[in-house]
Amino acid sequence: MERSYSDADRRAGRVLDAVARSGSRRPLLVSHEMIGRMLAKQLAGLSPAEALGRDQPSDVIYVVGGDRTIGRLRSASELG
């Protein structure tokens, strides 16, 4: 991974650790493209190549399941 993605991956990991320590049952994380990819990488156990190859639009809502699956709810363009 490029250095900037490696840095983003570490930042995403720190955020996820903080969320886990908070005890929040349904946290909401809002991010831009790079951090979104790295959050998906860590949450779903993706490889760096899989994370970087993901379609990561900026107007979409994802839900992460307990089994580490990531589901796409909707994007602004789908809302009409």
Protein backbone atom coordinates (compact mmCIF):
# COMPACT_ATOMS: atom_id res chain seq x y z
CA MET A 1 0.00 0.00 0.00
CA GLU A 2 1.12 3.54 -0.58
CA ARG A 3 2.33 5.42 2.47
CA SER A 4 -0.78 7.61 2.63
CA TYR A 5 -3.02 4.52 2.68
CA SER A 6 -0.80 2.90 5.29
CA ASP A 7 -1.15 6.00 7.47
CA ALA A 8 -4.92 6.02 6.90
CA ASP A 9 -5.06 2.33 7.84
CA ARG A 10 -3.39 3.08 11.19
CA ARG A 11 -5.76 6.01 11.83
CA ALA A 12 -8.76 3.83 11.00
CA GLY A 13 -7.50 1.19 13.41
CA ARG A 14 -7.16 3.75 16.21
CA VAL A 15 -10.72 4.96 15.59
CA LEU A 16 -12.11 1.43 15.63
CA ASP A 17 -10.22 0.69 18.86
CA ALA A 18 -11.71 3.84 20.44
CA VAL A 19 -15.22 2.85 19.29
CA ALA A 20 -14.74 -0.63 20.74
CA ARG A 21 -13.59 0.81 24.08
CA SER A 22 -16.57 3.20 24.16
CA GLY A 23 -19.04 0.34 24.46
CA SER A 24 -21.31 1.88 21.83
CA ARG A 25 -23.63 -0.75 20.39
CA ARG A 26 -24.50 1.11 17.18
CA PRO A 27 -21.80 3.66 16.36
CA LEU A 28 -22.05 5.91 13.34
CA LEU A 29 -18.79 6.61 11.53
CA VAL A 30 -18.63 9.23 8.80
CA SER A 31 -15.57 9.33 6.58
CA HIS A 32 -14.13 10.31 3.26
CA GLU A 33 -13.01 7.85 0.59
CA MET A 34 -9.55 6.91 1.87
CA ILE A 35 -10.54 6.32 5.49
CA GLY A 36 -13.73 4.59 4.33
CA ARG A 37 -11.65 2.06 2.43
CA MET A 38 -9.42 1.44 5.42
CA LEU A 39 -12.39 1.11 7.79
CA ALA A 40 -13.87 -1.47 5.40
CA LYS A 41 -10.51 -3.25 5.25
CA GLN A 42 -10.35 -3.65 9.00
CA LEU A 43 -14.04 -4.28 9.65
CA ALA A 44 -14.47 -6.89 6.93
CA GLY A 45 -10.97 -8.37 7.12
CA LEU A 46 -10.14 -7.36 3.56
CA SER A 47 -6.67 -7.51 2.09
CA PRO A 48 -5.06 -4.17 1.17
CA ALA A 49 -5.68 -4.92 -2.53
CA GLU A 50 -9.36 -5.71 -1.90
CA ALA A 51 -9.80 -2.53 0.14
CA LEU A 52 -8.13 -0.35 -2.47
CA GLY A 53 -10.17 -1.97 -5.26
CA ARG A 54 -13.55 -1.32 -3.58
CA ASP A 55 -16.06 1.00 -5.16
CA GLN A 56 -16.27 3.67 -2.46
CA PRO A 57 -18.71 6.42 -3.48
CA SER A 58 -19.02 9.37 -1.14
CA ASP A 59 -22.81 9.35 -0.94
CA VAL A 60 -23.53 5.89 0.37
CA ILE A 61 -24.44 4.39 3.74
CA TYR A 62 -22.99 1.04 4.76
CA VAL A 63 -24.00 -1.27 7.61
CA VAL A 64 -21.47 -3.66 9.08
CA GLY A 65 -22.91 -6.89 10.43
CA GLY A 66 -21.68 -8.91 13.38
CA ASP A 67 -20.30 -11.44 10.92
CA ARG A 68 -18.14 -8.66 9.38
CA THR A 69 -20.22 -8.40 6.22
CA ILE A 70 -20.69 -4.94 4.77
CA GLY A 71 -24.06 -4.14 3.28
CA ARG A 72 -24.83 -1.09 1.18
CA LEU A 73 -28.06 0.65 2.15
CA ARG A 74 -28.42 3.39 -0.42
CA SER A 75 -26.79 6.31 -2.14
CA ALA A 76 -28.10 9.79 -2.82
CA SER A 77 -28.47 8.94 -6.51
CA GLU A 78 -30.69 5.95 -5.60
CA LEU A 79 -32.96 8.20 -3.55
CA GLY A 80 -33.92 10.18 -6.64
